[in-house]
Amino acid sequence: MTITVRAAQLPDAAALAEVAAATFPLACPPHTTEEAKAHFIATMLSEERFAEYVADVERLVLVAVDAAETAARSEANIVGYGMVNFGEPDDADVAGALRIRPTAELSKCYVLAGYHGAGVAGALMEASLDAARARGAAGIWLGVNEENARAQRFYEKQGYERVGTKHFLVGDRLEDDYVFERAL
């Protein structure tokens, strides 16, 4: 398997929405209702929203593509994606917890379940860190649900450390997230 990571393009929006719909529920805590997951996917991870994200100059959406599968199809086989938001956080809890400035946010880093353990997340992480550095960030942060131990282990292996907490709205419930940060 050969994975390549590249900047997303507008024609990728539909495939990104499909990957997001498959991967977002994997990161949710067990108590998150199907209704809440579906609402979040429909409002924040739709094809239209991904088109907006890709066009936004203050964000970079990255896609991980399985090159072998893509060669056999007429379209890119997107197996994961990441999104970096450039600039200071709007959330007061996050802003108060961060120690490194200027900063960027790793807003999303998701991989299809069938590709877990294949190095896709690492490739997306490396490309995200490179993009943040290229835009002048000295640090990068992310939020991860406090119950998502698998993701927390991955981020710690990537050099992140927990520096605070924040809230994240899914449906009508505020979830508790840890804020992780690392130097670039």
N, C-alpha and C. Protein backbone atom coordinates (compact mmCIF):
# COMPACT_ATOMS: atom_id res chain seq x y z
N MET A 1 0.85 -1.18 0.00
CA MET A 1 0.00 0.00 0.00
C MET A 1 0.89 1.23 0.00
N THR A 2 0.57 2.15 -0.89
CA THR A 2 1.29 3.41 -0.96
C THR A 2 0.30 4.53 -0.65
N ILE A 3 0.59 5.24 0.43
CA ILE A 3 -0.25 6.36 0.84
C ILE A 3 0.45 7.66 0.46
N THR A 4 -0.28 8.54 -0.18
CA THR A 4 0.23 9.88 -0.45
C THR A 4 -0.68 10.88 0.25
N VAL A 5 -0.09 11.98 0.67
CA VAL A 5 -0.85 13.05 1.31
C VAL A 5 -0.70 14.29 0.46
N ARG A 6 -1.81 14.94 0.20
CA ARG A 6 -1.82 16.16 -0.61
C ARG A 6 -2.89 17.10 -0.09
N ALA A 7 -2.82 18.34 -0.53
CA ALA A 7 -3.86 19.31 -0.21
C ALA A 7 -5.16 18.90 -0.91
N ALA A 8 -6.25 19.01 -0.20
CA ALA A 8 -7.55 18.69 -0.79
C ALA A 8 -7.90 19.74 -1.84
N GLN A 9 -8.70 19.33 -2.79
CA GLN A 9 -9.20 20.22 -3.83
C GLN A 9 -10.73 20.19 -3.78
N LEU A 10 -11.37 21.18 -4.35
CA LEU A 10 -12.85 21.25 -4.30
C LEU A 10 -13.53 19.97 -4.77
N PRO A 11 -13.04 19.31 -5.82
CA PRO A 11 -13.71 18.06 -6.23
C PRO A 11 -13.62 16.93 -5.18
N ASP A 12 -12.78 17.09 -4.17
CA ASP A 12 -12.67 16.09 -3.11
C ASP A 12 -13.76 16.22 -2.05
N ALA A 13 -14.56 17.28 -2.08
CA ALA A 13 -15.50 17.56 -1.00
C ALA A 13 -16.47 16.41 -0.74
N ALA A 14 -17.01 15.80 -1.76
CA ALA A 14 -17.97 14.70 -1.57
C ALA A 14 -17.29 13.50 -0.90
N ALA A 15 -16.11 13.15 -1.37
CA ALA A 15 -15.39 12.02 -0.77
C ALA A 15 -14.98 12.33 0.67
N LEU A 16 -14.59 13.57 0.93
CA LEU A 16 -14.26 13.97 2.30
C LEU A 16 -15.46 13.81 3.22
N ALA A 17 -16.63 14.22 2.76
CA ALA A 17 -17.84 14.08 3.57
C ALA A 17 -18.13 12.60 3.86
N GLU A 18 -17.90 11.74 2.89
CA GLU A 18 -18.12 10.30 3.11
C GLU A 18 -17.15 9.75 4.15
N VAL A 19 -15.88 10.12 4.03
CA VAL A 19 -14.89 9.65 5.00
C VAL A 19 -15.22 10.21 6.39
N ALA A 20 -15.61 11.47 6.46
CA ALA A 20 -15.95 12.07 7.74
C ALA A 20 -17.14 11.36 8.38
N ALA A 21 -18.15 11.02 7.58
CA ALA A 21 -19.33 10.33 8.12
C ALA A 21 -18.96 8.95 8.66
N ALA A 22 -17.96 8.32 8.08
CA ALA A 22 -17.52 7.00 8.55
C ALA A 22 -16.59 7.08 9.75
N THR A 23 -15.82 8.16 9.86
CA THR A 23 -14.79 8.23 10.89
C THR A 23 -15.17 9.02 12.13
N PHE A 24 -15.99 10.06 11.99
CA PHE A 24 -16.33 10.86 13.16
C PHE A 24 -16.94 10.02 14.28
N PRO A 25 -17.86 9.12 13.99
CA PRO A 25 -18.43 8.31 15.08
C PRO A 25 -17.40 7.48 15.84
N LEU A 26 -16.30 7.14 15.20
CA LEU A 26 -15.26 6.34 15.86
C LEU A 26 -14.60 7.10 17.00
N ALA A 27 -14.63 8.43 16.95
CA ALA A 27 -13.98 9.25 17.96
C ALA A 27 -14.92 9.70 19.07
N CYS A 28 -16.20 9.38 18.92
CA CYS A 28 -17.20 9.83 19.90
C CYS A 28 -17.23 8.89 21.11
N PRO A 29 -17.49 9.44 22.29
CA PRO A 29 -17.64 8.57 23.45
C PRO A 29 -18.90 7.71 23.33
N PRO A 30 -18.93 6.60 24.04
CA PRO A 30 -20.06 5.67 23.90
C PRO A 30 -21.44 6.27 24.18
N HIS A 31 -21.52 7.28 25.01
CA HIS A 31 -22.82 7.86 25.35
C HIS A 31 -23.36 8.81 24.28
N THR A 32 -22.59 9.13 23.26
CA THR A 32 -23.06 10.03 22.21
C THR A 32 -24.15 9.33 21.41
N THR A 33 -25.30 9.98 21.31
CA THR A 33 -26.42 9.36 20.60
C THR A 33 -26.20 9.36 19.09
N GLU A 34 -26.86 8.44 18.42
CA GLU A 34 -26.80 8.39 16.95
C GLU A 34 -27.36 9.69 16.36
N GLU A 35 -28.38 10.22 17.01
CA GLU A 35 -28.99 11.47 16.57
C GLU A 35 -27.98 12.62 16.64
N ALA A 36 -27.23 12.70 17.74
CA ALA A 36 -26.24 13.77 17.90
C ALA A 36 -25.12 13.63 16.88
N LYS A 37 -24.66 12.41 16.66
CA LYS A 37 -23.61 12.18 15.65
C LYS A 37 -24.11 12.60 14.27
N ALA A 38 -25.31 12.17 13.93
CA ALA A 38 -25.88 12.50 12.60
C ALA A 38 -26.03 14.01 12.43
N HIS A 39 -26.46 14.70 13.47
CA HIS A 39 -26.62 16.16 13.38
C HIS A 39 -25.27 16.83 13.16
N PHE A 40 -24.25 16.40 13.90
CA PHE A 40 -22.93 17.00 13.75
C PHE A 40 -22.39 16.74 12.34
N ILE A 41 -22.54 15.52 11.86
CA ILE A 41 -22.06 15.19 10.52
C ILE A 41 -22.79 16.05 9.48
N ALA A 42 -24.10 16.18 9.62
CA ALA A 42 -24.89 16.94 8.65
C ALA A 42 -24.55 18.43 8.66
N THR A 43 -24.23 18.97 9.83
CA THR A 43 -23.99 20.41 9.91
C THR A 43 -22.53 20.82 9.78
N MET A 44 -21.62 19.97 10.21
CA MET A 44 -20.20 20.35 10.23
C MET A 44 -19.33 19.56 9.25
N LEU A 45 -19.81 18.42 8.78
CA LEU A 45 -18.98 17.55 7.96
C LEU A 45 -19.65 17.18 6.63
N SER A 46 -20.49 18.05 6.15
CA SER A 46 -21.19 17.81 4.88
C SER A 46 -20.29 18.15 3.69
N GLU A 47 -20.72 17.76 2.52
CA GLU A 47 -19.98 18.10 1.31
C GLU A 47 -19.85 19.62 1.17
N GLU A 48 -20.93 20.34 1.48
CA GLU A 48 -20.90 21.80 1.37
C GLU A 48 -19.90 22.41 2.35
N ARG A 49 -19.89 21.88 3.57
CA ARG A 49 -18.94 22.40 4.57
C ARG A 49 -17.51 22.12 4.15
N PHE A 50 -17.24 20.91 3.60
CA PHE A 50 -15.88 20.62 3.16
C PHE A 50 -15.48 21.52 2.00
N ALA A 51 -16.41 21.86 1.12
CA ALA A 51 -16.09 22.81 0.05
C ALA A 51 -15.69 24.16 0.65
N GLU A 52 -16.39 24.59 1.70
CA GLU A 52 -16.04 25.83 2.39
C GLU A 52 -14.66 25.71 3.03
N TYR A 53 -14.40 24.60 3.72
CA TYR A 53 -13.11 24.41 4.39
C TYR A 53 -11.96 24.44 3.38
N VAL A 54 -12.14 23.75 2.26
CA VAL A 54 -11.08 23.69 1.24
C VAL A 54 -10.81 25.08 0.66
N ALA A 55 -11.84 25.89 0.50
CA ALA A 55 -11.68 27.22 -0.09
C ALA A 55 -11.16 28.26 0.89
N ASP A 56 -11.19 27.99 2.18
CA ASP A 56 -10.80 28.94 3.22
C ASP A 56 -9.28 29.05 3.30
N VAL A 57 -8.75 30.25 3.08
CA VAL A 57 -7.29 30.43 3.09
C VAL A 57 -6.70 30.33 4.49
N GLU A 58 -7.53 30.37 5.53
CA GLU A 58 -7.04 30.23 6.91
C GLU A 58 -7.08 28.77 7.38
N ARG A 59 -7.33 27.85 6.46
CA ARG A 59 -7.35 26.42 6.77
C ARG A 59 -6.60 25.68 5.66
N LEU A 60 -6.12 24.52 6.02
CA LEU A 60 -5.58 23.60 5.02
C LEU A 60 -6.18 22.24 5.30
N VAL A 61 -6.90 21.72 4.30
CA VAL A 61 -7.45 20.37 4.39
C VAL A 61 -6.50 19.47 3.62
N LEU A 62 -6.07 18.41 4.28
CA LEU A 62 -5.17 17.43 3.67
C LEU A 62 -5.93 16.13 3.48
N VAL A 63 -5.61 15.41 2.41
CA VAL A 63 -6.21 14.10 2.19
C VAL A 63 -5.10 13.07 2.06
N ALA A 64 -5.37 11.90 2.64
CA ALA A 64 -4.49 10.74 2.49
C ALA A 64 -5.15 9.84 1.45
N VAL A 65 -4.41 9.52 0.42
CA VAL A 65 -4.94 8.77 -0.70
C VAL A 65 -4.18 7.45 -0.82
N ASP A 66 -4.92 6.37 -0.98
CA ASP A 66 -4.33 5.06 -1.24
C ASP A 66 -4.04 5.01 -2.74
N ALA A 67 -2.79 5.15 -3.11
CA ALA A 67 -2.41 5.27 -4.52
C ALA A 67 -2.75 4.02 -5.32
N ALA A 68 -2.59 2.84 -4.73
CA ALA A 68 -2.88 1.60 -5.45
C ALA A 68 -4.37 1.50 -5.77
N GLU A 69 -5.21 1.81 -4.81
CA GLU A 69 -6.65 1.78 -5.04
C GLU A 69 -7.08 2.86 -6.01
N THR A 70 -6.44 4.02 -5.96
CA THR A 70 -6.79 5.11 -6.85
C THR A 70 -6.48 4.73 -8.29
N ALA A 71 -5.37 4.01 -8.52
CA ALA A 71 -4.98 3.60 -9.87
C ALA A 71 -6.04 2.68 -10.48
N ALA A 72 -6.73 1.92 -9.64
CA ALA A 72 -7.74 0.99 -10.13
C ALA A 72 -9.11 1.64 -10.32
N ARG A 73 -9.24 2.90 -9.91
CA ARG A 73 -10.53 3.60 -9.99
C ARG A 73 -10.36 4.88 -10.80
N SER A 74 -11.45 5.52 -11.10
CA SER A 74 -11.38 6.76 -11.87
C SER A 74 -11.31 7.99 -10.96
N GLU A 75 -11.32 7.78 -9.63
CA GLU A 75 -11.27 8.89 -8.70
C GLU A 75 -10.32 8.56 -7.56
N ALA A 76 -9.92 9.58 -6.81
CA ALA A 76 -9.01 9.39 -5.68
C ALA A 76 -9.69 8.57 -4.60
N ASN A 77 -8.98 7.61 -4.06
CA ASN A 77 -9.49 6.79 -2.95
C ASN A 77 -8.98 7.41 -1.65
N ILE A 78 -9.75 8.34 -1.11
CA ILE A 78 -9.37 9.05 0.11
C ILE A 78 -9.64 8.14 1.30
N VAL A 79 -8.59 7.88 2.10
CA VAL A 79 -8.71 6.97 3.24
C VAL A 79 -8.55 7.68 4.58
N GLY A 80 -8.26 8.97 4.53
CA GLY A 80 -8.13 9.76 5.75
C GLY A 80 -7.97 11.22 5.38
N TYR A 81 -8.14 12.06 6.39
CA TYR A 81 -7.97 13.48 6.14
C TYR A 81 -7.57 14.19 7.43
N GLY A 82 -7.02 15.36 7.25
CA GLY A 82 -6.67 16.22 8.37
C GLY A 82 -6.99 17.65 8.01
N MET A 83 -7.13 18.49 9.01
CA MET A 83 -7.37 19.90 8.75
C MET A 83 -6.61 20.74 9.76
N VAL A 84 -5.86 21.70 9.26
CA VAL A 84 -5.11 22.62 10.09
C VAL A 84 -5.75 24.00 9.97
N ASN A 85 -6.07 24.59 11.13
CA ASN A 85 -6.58 25.96 11.18
C ASN A 85 -5.44 26.85 11.63
N PHE A 86 -5.19 27.90 10.88
CA PHE A 86 -4.10 28.81 11.20
C PHE A 86 -4.61 29.97 12.04
N GLY A 87 -3.79 30.41 12.97
CA GLY A 87 -4.16 31.56 13.79
C GLY A 87 -4.51 31.18 15.21
N GLU A 88 -4.79 32.21 15.98
CA GLU A 88 -5.07 32.04 17.40
C GLU A 88 -6.46 31.44 17.64
N PRO A 89 -6.60 30.65 18.69
CA PRO A 89 -7.90 30.04 18.99
C PRO A 89 -8.91 31.07 19.49
N ASP A 90 -10.18 30.83 19.17
CA ASP A 90 -11.26 31.68 19.65
C ASP A 90 -11.72 31.26 21.05
N ASP A 91 -11.51 30.01 21.39
CA ASP A 91 -11.97 29.47 22.66
C ASP A 91 -11.07 29.97 23.81
N ALA A 92 -11.68 30.63 24.80
CA ALA A 92 -10.91 31.21 25.92
C ALA A 92 -10.18 30.14 26.73
N ASP A 93 -10.78 28.97 26.91
CA ASP A 93 -10.12 27.89 27.66
C ASP A 93 -8.86 27.42 26.94
N VAL A 94 -8.96 27.30 25.63
CA VAL A 94 -7.80 26.87 24.84
C VAL A 94 -6.74 27.96 24.87
N ALA A 95 -7.13 29.19 24.60
CA ALA A 95 -6.16 30.29 24.58
C ALA A 95 -5.40 30.39 25.90
N GLY A 96 -6.08 30.17 27.01
CA GLY A 96 -5.43 30.23 28.31
C GLY A 96 -4.53 29.05 28.61
N ALA A 97 -4.79 27.92 27.99
CA ALA A 97 -4.00 26.72 28.26
C ALA A 97 -2.72 26.65 27.43
N LEU A 98 -2.73 27.24 26.24
CA LEU A 98 -1.58 27.12 25.34
C LEU A 98 -0.39 27.91 25.86
N ARG A 99 0.80 27.36 25.64
CA ARG A 99 2.03 27.99 26.10
C ARG A 99 2.92 28.47 24.96
N ILE A 100 2.62 28.04 23.74
CA ILE A 100 3.50 28.31 22.61
C ILE A 100 2.76 29.18 21.59
N ARG A 101 3.38 30.26 21.22
CA ARG A 101 2.82 31.17 20.22
C ARG A 101 3.89 31.50 19.19
N PRO A 102 3.55 31.82 17.96
CA PRO A 102 2.24 31.66 17.35
C PRO A 102 1.86 30.18 17.23
N THR A 103 0.55 29.95 17.09
CA THR A 103 0.05 28.58 17.11
C THR A 103 -0.83 28.29 15.90
N ALA A 104 -1.10 27.01 15.71
CA ALA A 104 -2.07 26.53 14.72
C ALA A 104 -2.83 25.39 15.40
N GLU A 105 -3.98 25.06 14.85
CA GLU A 105 -4.78 23.98 15.42
C GLU A 105 -4.85 22.81 14.45
N LEU A 106 -4.58 21.62 14.94
CA LEU A 106 -4.89 20.41 14.19
C LEU A 106 -6.34 20.11 14.51
N SER A 107 -7.23 20.57 13.66
CA SER A 107 -8.66 20.50 13.93
C SER A 107 -9.22 19.11 13.70
N LYS A 108 -8.68 18.41 12.72
CA LYS A 108 -9.18 17.08 12.39
C LYS A 108 -8.03 16.20 11.92
N CYS A 109 -8.09 14.95 12.33
CA CYS A 109 -7.15 13.94 11.84
C CYS A 109 -7.87 12.60 11.97
N TYR A 110 -8.46 12.15 10.89
CA TYR A 110 -9.29 10.95 10.90
C TYR A 110 -8.86 10.00 9.79
N VAL A 111 -8.92 8.70 10.08
CA VAL A 111 -8.52 7.66 9.14
C VAL A 111 -9.59 6.56 9.15
N LEU A 112 -9.95 6.07 7.98
CA LEU A 112 -10.90 4.97 7.91
C LEU A 112 -10.41 3.78 8.73
N ALA A 113 -11.33 3.09 9.39
CA ALA A 113 -10.97 2.00 10.31
C ALA A 113 -10.11 0.93 9.64
N GLY A 114 -10.37 0.61 8.40
CA GLY A 114 -9.58 -0.41 7.70
C GLY A 114 -8.14 -0.02 7.46
N TYR A 115 -7.79 1.23 7.69
CA TYR A 115 -6.43 1.72 7.49
C TYR A 115 -5.73 2.07 8.81
N HIS A 116 -6.40 1.83 9.93
CA HIS A 116 -5.75 2.07 11.23
C HIS A 116 -4.51 1.18 11.33
N GLY A 117 -3.44 1.73 11.85
CA GLY A 117 -2.19 0.98 12.02
C GLY A 117 -1.34 0.87 10.77
N ALA A 118 -1.75 1.52 9.69
CA ALA A 118 -1.02 1.42 8.42
C ALA A 118 -0.14 2.63 8.15
N GLY A 119 -0.01 3.54 9.12
CA GLY A 119 0.84 4.71 8.95
C GLY A 119 0.14 5.91 8.33
N VAL A 120 -1.16 5.81 8.08
CA VAL A 120 -1.88 6.91 7.45
C VAL A 120 -1.95 8.12 8.38
N ALA A 121 -2.30 7.89 9.64
CA ALA A 121 -2.40 9.00 10.59
C ALA A 121 -1.04 9.67 10.77
N GLY A 122 0.02 8.89 10.80
CA GLY A 122 1.37 9.47 10.91
C GLY A 122 1.72 10.33 9.72
N ALA A 123 1.34 9.89 8.53
CA ALA A 123 1.60 10.68 7.32
C ALA A 123 0.80 11.97 7.34
N LEU A 124 -0.46 11.90 7.76
CA LEU A 124 -1.27 13.12 7.88
C LEU A 124 -0.69 14.06 8.92
N MET A 125 -0.22 13.49 10.04
CA MET A 125 0.36 14.31 11.11
C MET A 125 1.60 15.03 10.59
N GLU A 126 2.48 14.32 9.93
CA GLU A 126 3.71 14.93 9.42
C GLU A 126 3.39 16.08 8.46
N ALA A 127 2.45 15.86 7.56
CA ALA A 127 2.08 16.90 6.61
C ALA A 127 1.44 18.10 7.33
N SER A 128 0.65 17.83 8.37
CA SER A 128 0.03 18.91 9.14
C SER A 128 1.07 19.74 9.87
N LEU A 129 2.04 19.08 10.48
CA LEU A 129 3.11 19.79 11.19
C LEU A 129 3.92 20.64 10.22
N ASP A 130 4.24 20.07 9.05
CA ASP A 130 4.98 20.81 8.03
C ASP A 130 4.20 22.05 7.58
N ALA A 131 2.89 21.90 7.40
CA ALA A 131 2.07 23.03 6.96
C ALA A 131 2.03 24.13 8.02
N ALA A 132 1.91 23.73 9.28
CA ALA A 132 1.88 24.73 10.36
C ALA A 132 3.21 25.48 10.44
N ARG A 133 4.32 24.74 10.32
CA ARG A 133 5.64 25.39 10.32
C ARG A 133 5.76 26.38 9.17
N ALA A 134 5.31 25.93 7.99
CA ALA A 134 5.42 26.77 6.79
C ALA A 134 4.64 28.07 6.94
N ARG A 135 3.58 28.07 7.74
CA ARG A 135 2.78 29.28 7.97
C ARG A 135 3.28 30.06 9.18
N GLY A 136 4.41 29.65 9.76
CA GLY A 136 5.04 30.43 10.83
C GLY A 136 4.65 30.05 12.24
N ALA A 137 3.92 28.97 12.42
CA ALA A 137 3.53 28.56 13.78
C ALA A 137 4.75 27.97 14.51
N ALA A 138 4.83 28.26 15.80
CA ALA A 138 5.87 27.68 16.65
C ALA A 138 5.34 26.49 17.43
N GLY A 139 4.01 26.39 17.51
CA GLY A 139 3.36 25.29 18.21
C GLY A 139 2.08 24.91 17.50
N ILE A 140 1.56 23.75 17.86
CA ILE A 140 0.30 23.28 17.30
C ILE A 140 -0.47 22.61 18.42
N TRP A 141 -1.78 22.77 18.40
CA TRP A 141 -2.62 22.20 19.45
C TRP A 141 -3.79 21.44 18.83
N LEU A 142 -4.46 20.66 19.66
CA LEU A 142 -5.64 19.93 19.24
C LEU A 142 -6.50 19.64 20.45
N GLY A 143 -7.76 19.34 20.20
CA GLY A 143 -8.67 18.89 21.24
C GLY A 143 -9.02 17.44 20.97
N VAL A 144 -9.06 16.62 22.03
CA VAL A 144 -9.40 15.21 21.89
C VAL A 144 -10.31 14.83 23.05
N ASN A 145 -11.36 14.09 22.76
CA ASN A 145 -12.30 13.71 23.81
C ASN A 145 -11.59 12.98 24.93
N GLU A 146 -11.95 13.30 26.16
CA GLU A 146 -11.28 12.72 27.31
C GLU A 146 -11.43 11.21 27.39
N GLU A 147 -12.40 10.64 26.68
CA GLU A 147 -12.60 9.19 26.70
C GLU A 147 -11.93 8.48 25.52
N ASN A 148 -11.31 9.23 24.63
CA ASN A 148 -10.69 8.63 23.44
C ASN A 148 -9.22 8.31 23.73
N ALA A 149 -9.02 7.23 24.47
CA ALA A 149 -7.67 6.84 24.90
C ALA A 149 -6.77 6.48 23.72
N ARG A 150 -7.31 5.84 22.70
CA ARG A 150 -6.50 5.46 21.54
C ARG A 150 -5.89 6.68 20.87
N ALA A 151 -6.71 7.70 20.63
CA ALA A 151 -6.20 8.93 20.00
C ALA A 151 -5.20 9.63 20.91
N GLN A 152 -5.48 9.65 22.20
CA GLN A 152 -4.55 10.29 23.13
C GLN A 152 -3.18 9.62 23.09
N ARG A 153 -3.16 8.30 23.03
CA ARG A 153 -1.86 7.59 22.95
C ARG A 153 -1.13 7.97 21.67
N PHE A 154 -1.87 8.03 20.56
CA PHE A 154 -1.25 8.41 19.29
C PHE A 154 -0.65 9.80 19.38
N TYR A 155 -1.40 10.76 19.92
CA TYR A 155 -0.90 12.13 20.00
C TYR A 155 0.31 12.23 20.92
N GLU A 156 0.29 11.50 22.01
CA GLU A 156 1.46 11.50 22.91
C GLU A 156 2.69 10.94 22.21
N LYS A 157 2.51 9.90 21.41
CA LYS A 157 3.64 9.34 20.64
C LYS A 157 4.16 10.34 19.62
N GLN A 158 3.30 11.26 19.20
CA GLN A 158 3.68 12.29 18.23
C GLN A 158 4.28 13.52 18.89
N GLY A 159 4.47 13.47 20.21
CA GLY A 159 5.12 14.57 20.91
C GLY A 159 4.20 15.58 21.56
N TYR A 160 2.91 15.33 21.54
CA TYR A 160 1.95 16.23 22.18
C TYR A 160 1.88 15.93 23.68
N GLU A 161 1.56 16.96 24.45
CA GLU A 161 1.28 16.76 25.87
C GLU A 161 0.02 17.51 26.26
N ARG A 162 -0.67 16.98 27.24
CA ARG A 162 -1.91 17.58 27.69
C ARG A 162 -1.61 18.85 28.48
N VAL A 163 -2.29 19.96 28.08
CA VAL A 163 -2.04 21.25 28.74
C VAL A 163 -3.31 21.88 29.30
N GLY A 164 -4.46 21.30 29.05
CA GLY A 164 -5.69 21.90 29.55
C GLY A 164 -6.92 21.12 29.12
N THR A 165 -8.08 21.76 29.29
CA THR A 165 -9.35 21.16 28.90
C THR A 165 -10.21 22.20 28.20
N LYS A 166 -11.18 21.72 27.46
CA LYS A 166 -12.15 22.58 26.78
C LYS A 166 -13.42 21.78 26.59
N HIS A 167 -14.44 22.45 26.10
CA HIS A 167 -15.71 21.79 25.81
C HIS A 167 -15.93 21.74 24.30
N PHE A 168 -16.69 20.72 23.88
CA PHE A 168 -16.96 20.50 22.47
C PHE A 168 -18.41 20.08 22.35
N LEU A 169 -19.20 20.81 21.58
CA LEU A 169 -20.62 20.55 21.48
C LEU A 169 -20.92 19.52 20.39
N VAL A 170 -21.57 18.43 20.79
CA VAL A 170 -22.07 17.42 19.86
C VAL A 170 -23.55 17.24 20.17
N GLY A 171 -24.39 17.62 19.23
CA GLY A 171 -25.82 17.62 19.50
C GLY A 171 -26.13 18.69 20.53
N ASP A 172 -26.81 18.30 21.59
CA ASP A 172 -27.12 19.27 22.65
C ASP A 172 -26.29 19.01 23.90
N ARG A 173 -25.23 18.23 23.77
CA ARG A 173 -24.41 17.87 24.92
C ARG A 173 -23.00 18.43 24.77
N LEU A 174 -22.53 19.08 25.82
CA LEU A 174 -21.14 19.55 25.85
C LEU A 174 -20.26 18.39 26.29
N GLU A 175 -19.32 18.03 25.46
CA GLU A 175 -18.35 16.98 25.78
C GLU A 175 -17.11 17.64 26.35
N ASP A 176 -16.39 16.89 27.16
CA ASP A 176 -15.14 17.38 27.72
C ASP A 176 -13.99 16.87 26.89
N ASP A 177 -13.17 17.79 26.42
CA ASP A 177 -11.99 17.46 25.62
C ASP A 177 -10.74 17.88 26.37
N TYR A 178 -9.70 17.12 26.16
CA TYR A 178 -8.38 17.54 26.62
C TYR A 178 -7.77 18.39 25.52
N VAL A 179 -7.00 19.38 25.91
CA VAL A 179 -6.22 20.19 24.98
C VAL A 179 -4.80 19.67 25.01
N PHE A 180 -4.30 19.27 23.87
CA PHE A 180 -2.92 18.79 23.73
C PHE A 180 -2.16 19.80 22.88
N GLU A 181 -0.86 19.94 23.17
CA GLU A 181 -0.03 20.91 22.46
C GLU A 181 1.36 20.32 22.26
N ARG A 182 2.00 20.74 21.20
CA ARG A 182 3.42 20.39 20.99
C ARG A 182 4.12 21.52 20.26
N ALA A 183 5.41 21.57 20.52
CA ALA A 183 6.24 22.56 19.83
C ALA A 183 6.54 22.05 18.43
N LEU A 184 6.75 23.01 17.54
CA LEU A 184 7.17 22.68 16.18
C LEU A 184 8.65 22.96 16.10
